[in-house]
C-alpha atoms as a PDB file:
ATOM      1  CA  MET A   1      33.497 -25.365  13.826  1.00  0.00           C
ATOM      2  CA  ARG A   2      34.486 -21.817  13.504  1.00  0.00           C
ATOM      3  CA  SER A   3      31.742 -21.219  11.320  1.00  0.00           C
ATOM      4  CA  ALA A   4      29.109 -22.672  13.471  1.00  0.00           C
ATOM      5  CA  ARG A   5      30.432 -20.370  16.385  1.00  0.00           C
ATOM      6  CA  MET A   6      29.947 -17.301  13.899  1.00  0.00           C
ATOM      7  CA  ALA A   7      26.501 -18.462  13.000  1.00  0.00           C
ATOM      8  CA  LEU A   8      25.538 -18.844  16.594  1.00  0.00           C
ATOM      9  CA  LEU A   9      27.091 -15.431  17.442  1.00  0.00           C
ATOM     10  CA  ALA A  10      25.400 -13.863  14.626  1.00  0.00           C
ATOM     11  CA  LEU A  11      22.036 -15.417  15.839  1.00  0.00           C
ATOM     12  CA  THR A  12      22.415 -14.361  19.442  1.00  0.00           C
ATOM     13  CA  LEU A  13      23.328 -10.694  18.314  1.00  0.00           C
ATOM     14  CA  ALA A  14      20.278 -10.727  16.063  1.00  0.00           C
ATOM     15  CA  ALA A  15      18.036 -12.028  18.929  1.00  0.00           C
ATOM     16  CA  CYS A  16      19.349  -9.247  21.304  1.00  0.00           C
ATOM     17  CA  GLY A  17      18.684  -6.272  19.041  1.00  0.00           C
ATOM     18  CA  SER A  18      16.200  -3.586  20.010  1.00  0.00           C
ATOM     19  CA  PRO A  19      12.541  -4.864  19.567  1.00  0.00           C
ATOM     20  CA  ALA A  20      10.258  -3.935  16.876  1.00  0.00           C
ATOM     21  CA  PRO A  21       8.587  -0.528  17.343  1.00  0.00           C
ATOM     22  CA  ALA A  22       4.997  -0.766  18.400  1.00  0.00           C
ATOM     23  CA  THR A  23       2.696  -0.059  15.878  1.00  0.00           C
ATOM     24  CA  SER A  24      -0.377   2.056  16.387  1.00  0.00           C
ATOM     25  CA  ALA A  25      -3.821   1.199  15.156  1.00  0.00           C
ATOM     26  CA  ALA A  26      -4.228   3.172  11.802  1.00  0.00           C
ATOM     27  CA  PRO A  27      -7.555   4.318  10.726  1.00  0.00           C
ATOM     28  CA  SER A  28      -9.180   1.556   8.607  1.00  0.00           C
ATOM     29  CA  LEU A  29     -12.427   0.116   7.467  1.00  0.00           C
ATOM     30  CA  ALA A  30     -12.852  -1.132  11.023  1.00  0.00           C
ATOM     31  CA  ASP A  31     -13.532   2.621  11.817  1.00  0.00           C
ATOM     32  CA  PRO A  32     -17.042   2.961  10.976  1.00  0.00           C
ATOM     33  CA  ASP A  33     -16.488   6.878  10.929  1.00  0.00           C
ATOM     34  CA  ALA A  34     -13.414   6.471   8.576  1.00  0.00           C
ATOM     35  CA  GLU A  35     -15.165   7.751   5.431  1.00  0.00           C
ATOM     36  CA  GLN A  36     -16.584  10.707   7.249  1.00  0.00           C
ATOM     37  CA  HIS A  37     -13.192  11.803   8.808  1.00  0.00           C
ATOM     38  CA  VAL A  38     -11.483  11.701   5.346  1.00  0.00           C
ATOM     39  CA  SER A  39     -14.759  13.720   3.930  1.00  0.00           C
ATOM     40  CA  ALA A  40     -13.959  16.311   6.689  1.00  0.00           C
ATOM     41  CA  ILE A  41     -10.161  16.558   5.774  1.00  0.00           C
ATOM     42  CA  LEU A  42     -11.338  17.036   2.043  1.00  0.00           C
ATOM     43  CA  GLU A  43     -13.840  19.674   2.997  1.00  0.00           C
ATOM     44  CA  ALA A  44     -11.290  21.820   5.121  1.00  0.00           C
ATOM     45  CA  ALA A  45      -8.675  21.461   2.467  1.00  0.00           C
ATOM     46  CA  VAL A  46     -11.078  22.852  -0.315  1.00  0.00           C
ATOM     47  CA  THR A  47     -12.596  25.425   1.702  1.00  0.00           C
ATOM     48  CA  GLY A  48      -9.285  26.377   3.422  1.00  0.00           C
ATOM     49  CA  ASP A  49      -7.226  26.645   0.116  1.00  0.00           C
ATOM     50  CA  PRO A  50      -8.200  30.187  -0.957  1.00  0.00           C
ATOM     51  CA  LYS A  51      -7.946  31.374   2.560  1.00  0.00           C
ATOM     52  CA  GLY A  52      -4.238  30.686   2.814  1.00  0.00           C
ATOM     53  CA  PRO A  53      -1.481  28.487   4.632  1.00  0.00           C
ATOM     54  CA  ALA A  54      -3.848  27.073   7.375  1.00  0.00           C
ATOM     55  CA  ALA A  55      -4.779  24.407   5.030  1.00  0.00           C
ATOM     56  CA  ASP A  56      -1.332  23.353   4.603  1.00  0.00           C
ATOM     57  CA  SER A  57      -1.485  21.472   7.940  1.00  0.00           C
ATOM     58  CA  LEU A  58      -3.845  19.121   6.090  1.00  0.00           C
ATOM     59  CA  TYR A  59      -0.837  17.914   3.990  1.00  0.00           C
ATOM     60  CA  SER A  60       1.827  15.495   4.775  1.00  0.00           C
ATOM     61  CA  PRO A  61       5.322  17.275   4.849  1.00  0.00           C
ATOM     62  CA  ALA A  62       6.330  14.565   1.996  1.00  0.00           C
ATOM     63  CA  SER A  63       2.926  15.281  -0.137  1.00  0.00           C
ATOM     64  CA  THR A  64       3.163  15.836  -3.772  1.00  0.00           C
ATOM     65  CA  VAL A  65       0.443  18.432  -5.214  1.00  0.00           C
ATOM     66  CA  VAL A  66      -0.093  19.030  -9.013  1.00  0.00           C
ATOM     67  CA  ALA A  67      -2.292  21.383 -10.385  1.00  0.00           C
ATOM     68  CA  ASN A  68      -3.077  21.861 -13.921  1.00  0.00           C
ATOM     69  CA  GLY A  69       0.155  19.942 -14.541  1.00  0.00           C
ATOM     70  CA  GLU A  70       2.360  22.114 -12.352  1.00  0.00           C
ATOM     71  CA  LEU A  71       3.843  21.276  -8.806  1.00  0.00           C
ATOM     72  CA  ARG A  72       2.226  23.428  -6.172  1.00  0.00           C
ATOM     73  CA  LEU A  73       4.445  24.045  -3.032  1.00  0.00           C
ATOM     74  CA  SER A  74       1.963  26.249  -1.247  1.00  0.00           C
ATOM     75  CA  THR A  75      -1.595  27.527  -1.148  1.00  0.00           C
ATOM     76  CA  PRO A  76      -3.713  27.800  -3.085  1.00  0.00           C
ATOM     77  CA  ARG A  77      -2.838  24.364  -4.175  1.00  0.00           C
ATOM     78  CA  LEU A  78      -6.095  23.419  -6.055  1.00  0.00           C
ATOM     79  CA  ALA A  79      -6.261  24.294  -9.846  1.00  0.00           C
ATOM     80  CA  GLY A  80      -8.410  27.184 -10.590  1.00  0.00           C
ATOM     81  CA  VAL A  81      -8.409  28.602  -6.998  1.00  0.00           C
ATOM     82  CA  GLN A  82      -6.929  32.008  -6.227  1.00  0.00           C
ATOM     83  CA  PRO A  83      -6.457  33.845  -3.065  1.00  0.00           C
ATOM     84  CA  GLY A  84      -9.537  35.296  -1.699  1.00  0.00           C
ATOM     85  CA  GLY A  85     -12.824  34.310  -2.383  1.00  0.00           C
ATOM     86  CA  SER A  86     -14.340  30.873  -1.178  1.00  0.00           C
ATOM     87  CA  ALA A  87     -14.502  27.356  -2.509  1.00  0.00           C
ATOM     88  CA  ALA A  88     -16.905  24.529  -1.857  1.00  0.00           C
ATOM     89  CA  ILE A  89     -17.187  20.774  -2.827  1.00  0.00           C
ATOM     90  CA  THR A  90     -19.829  20.163  -5.188  1.00  0.00           C
ATOM     91  CA  THR A  91     -19.590  16.121  -5.498  1.00  0.00           C
ATOM     92  CA  SER A  92     -17.229  13.735  -3.952  1.00  0.00           C
ATOM     93  CA  GLU A  93     -16.754  10.102  -3.819  1.00  0.00           C
ATOM     94  CA  VAL A  94     -14.548   8.508  -0.960  1.00  0.00           C
ATOM     95  CA  THR A  95     -13.177   5.031  -0.731  1.00  0.00           C
ATOM     96  CA  VAL A  96     -11.272   3.752   2.278  1.00  0.00           C
ATOM     97  CA  ARG A  97      -9.130   0.915   2.552  1.00  0.00           C
ATOM     98  CA  GLU A  98      -6.815  -0.599   5.024  1.00  0.00           C
ATOM     99  CA  GLY A  99      -4.144   2.030   5.521  1.00  0.00           C
ATOM    100  CA  PHE A 100      -4.940   4.586   2.808  1.00  0.00           C
ATOM    101  CA  ALA A 101      -8.009   6.268   1.238  1.00  0.00           C
ATOM    102  CA  TRP A 102      -8.672   8.196  -2.125  1.00  0.00           C
ATOM    103  CA  ALA A 103     -11.180  10.417  -3.221  1.00  0.00           C
ATOM    104  CA  MET A 104     -12.369  12.160  -6.341  1.00  0.00           C
ATOM    105  CA  VAL A 105     -13.587  15.523  -5.771  1.00  0.00           C
ATOM    106  CA  GLU A 106     -15.449  18.300  -7.796  1.00  0.00           C
ATOM    107  CA  TYR A 107     -15.294  21.783  -6.406  1.00  0.00           C
ATOM    108  CA  ARG A 108     -16.241  25.488  -7.262  1.00  0.00           C
ATOM    109  CA  TRP A 109     -14.107  28.559  -6.681  1.00  0.00           C
ATOM    110  CA  PHE A 110     -15.960  31.862  -6.245  1.00  0.00           C
ATOM    111  CA  SER A 111     -14.366  35.068  -6.482  1.00  0.00           C
ATOM    112  CA  THR A 112     -15.860  37.664  -4.166  1.00  0.00           C
ATOM    113  CA  GLU A 113     -14.239  40.535  -6.235  1.00  0.00           C
ATOM    114  CA  THR A 114     -14.928  39.728  -9.924  1.00  0.00           C
ATOM    115  CA  ASN A 115     -17.935  37.524  -9.555  1.00  0.00           C
ATOM    116  CA  GLN A 116     -15.909  34.953 -11.493  1.00  0.00           C
ATOM    117  CA  VAL A 117     -16.703  31.236 -10.937  1.00  0.00           C
ATOM    118  CA  ARG A 118     -13.931  28.157 -11.627  1.00  0.00           C
ATOM    119  CA  VAL A 119     -14.955  24.574 -11.727  1.00  0.00           C
ATOM    120  CA  GLY A 120     -12.247  22.079 -10.659  1.00  0.00           C
ATOM    121  CA  ARG A 121     -11.675  18.375 -10.169  1.00  0.00           C
ATOM    122  CA  ALA A 122      -9.197  16.613  -7.666  1.00  0.00           C
ATOM    123  CA  THR A 123      -8.221  13.063  -7.223  1.00  0.00           C
ATOM    124  CA  VAL A 124      -6.649  12.992  -3.700  1.00  0.00           C
ATOM    125  CA  VAL A 125      -4.828  10.143  -1.773  1.00  0.00           C
ATOM    126  CA  LEU A 126      -4.798  10.092   1.990  1.00  0.00           C
ATOM    127  CA  SER A 127      -2.883   8.217   4.509  1.00  0.00           C
ATOM    128  CA  PRO A 128      -3.288   7.811   8.239  1.00  0.00           C
ATOM    129  CA  ARG A 129      -1.057  10.000  10.501  1.00  0.00           C
ATOM    130  CA  ARG A 130       1.260   8.273  12.881  1.00  0.00           C
ATOM    131  CA  GLY A 131      -0.416   7.396  16.149  1.00  0.00           C
ATOM    132  CA  GLY A 132      -3.674   6.784  14.474  1.00  0.00           C
ATOM    133  CA  GLN A 133      -4.534  10.480  14.841  1.00  0.00           C
ATOM    134  CA  GLY A 134      -6.371  11.040  12.041  1.00  0.00           C
ATOM    135  CA  TRP A 135      -5.440  11.178   8.028  1.00  0.00           C
ATOM    136  CA  TRP A 136      -3.439  13.748   5.958  1.00  0.00           C
ATOM    137  CA  ILE A 137      -3.176  14.332   2.294  1.00  0.00           C
ATOM    138  CA  MET A 138      -0.216  12.354   0.660  1.00  0.00           C
ATOM    139  CA  HIS A 139      -1.029  13.335  -3.042  1.00  0.00           C
ATOM    140  CA  ALA A 140      -3.628  15.767  -4.713  1.00  0.00           C
ATOM    141  CA  HIS A 141      -3.796  16.117  -8.334  1.00  0.00           C
ATOM    142  CA  SER A 142      -6.326  18.733  -9.827  1.00  0.00           C
ATOM    143  CA  SER A 143      -7.146  20.403 -12.940  1.00  0.00           C
ATOM    144  CA  SER A 144      -9.606  23.274 -14.109  1.00  0.00           C
ATOM    145  CA  ARG A 145     -11.100  24.541 -17.140  1.00  0.00           C
END
């Protein structure tokens, strides 16, 4: 009888616990513009990378960024990119699934001082921001010649 009371007490306490947090709608395949939104984040990340820390706001605080086999904790985050100059995407392929997206991107960095050009490739994984407020980069892995 004592074990039945304990079980009933445990069940009652579990039922009285706080309700599950409300989940917000995450960007998904249901969003017809999800691919365009992800593409815009990628464009901003590549073009903003040589300009400095402003591009960091596109990355999750928990993101991991690897460039030419080395961890990058600040801009420039992409392989082959240096401060100054400009960068542009030459080709990209974006795939969006329920709750995440990934992309393969080819880009070029142009030095305005030395007329140097570097070509790079990156694979990027994105996740919806909390509250359904767009996407941010969770992981990026890039390399350049």
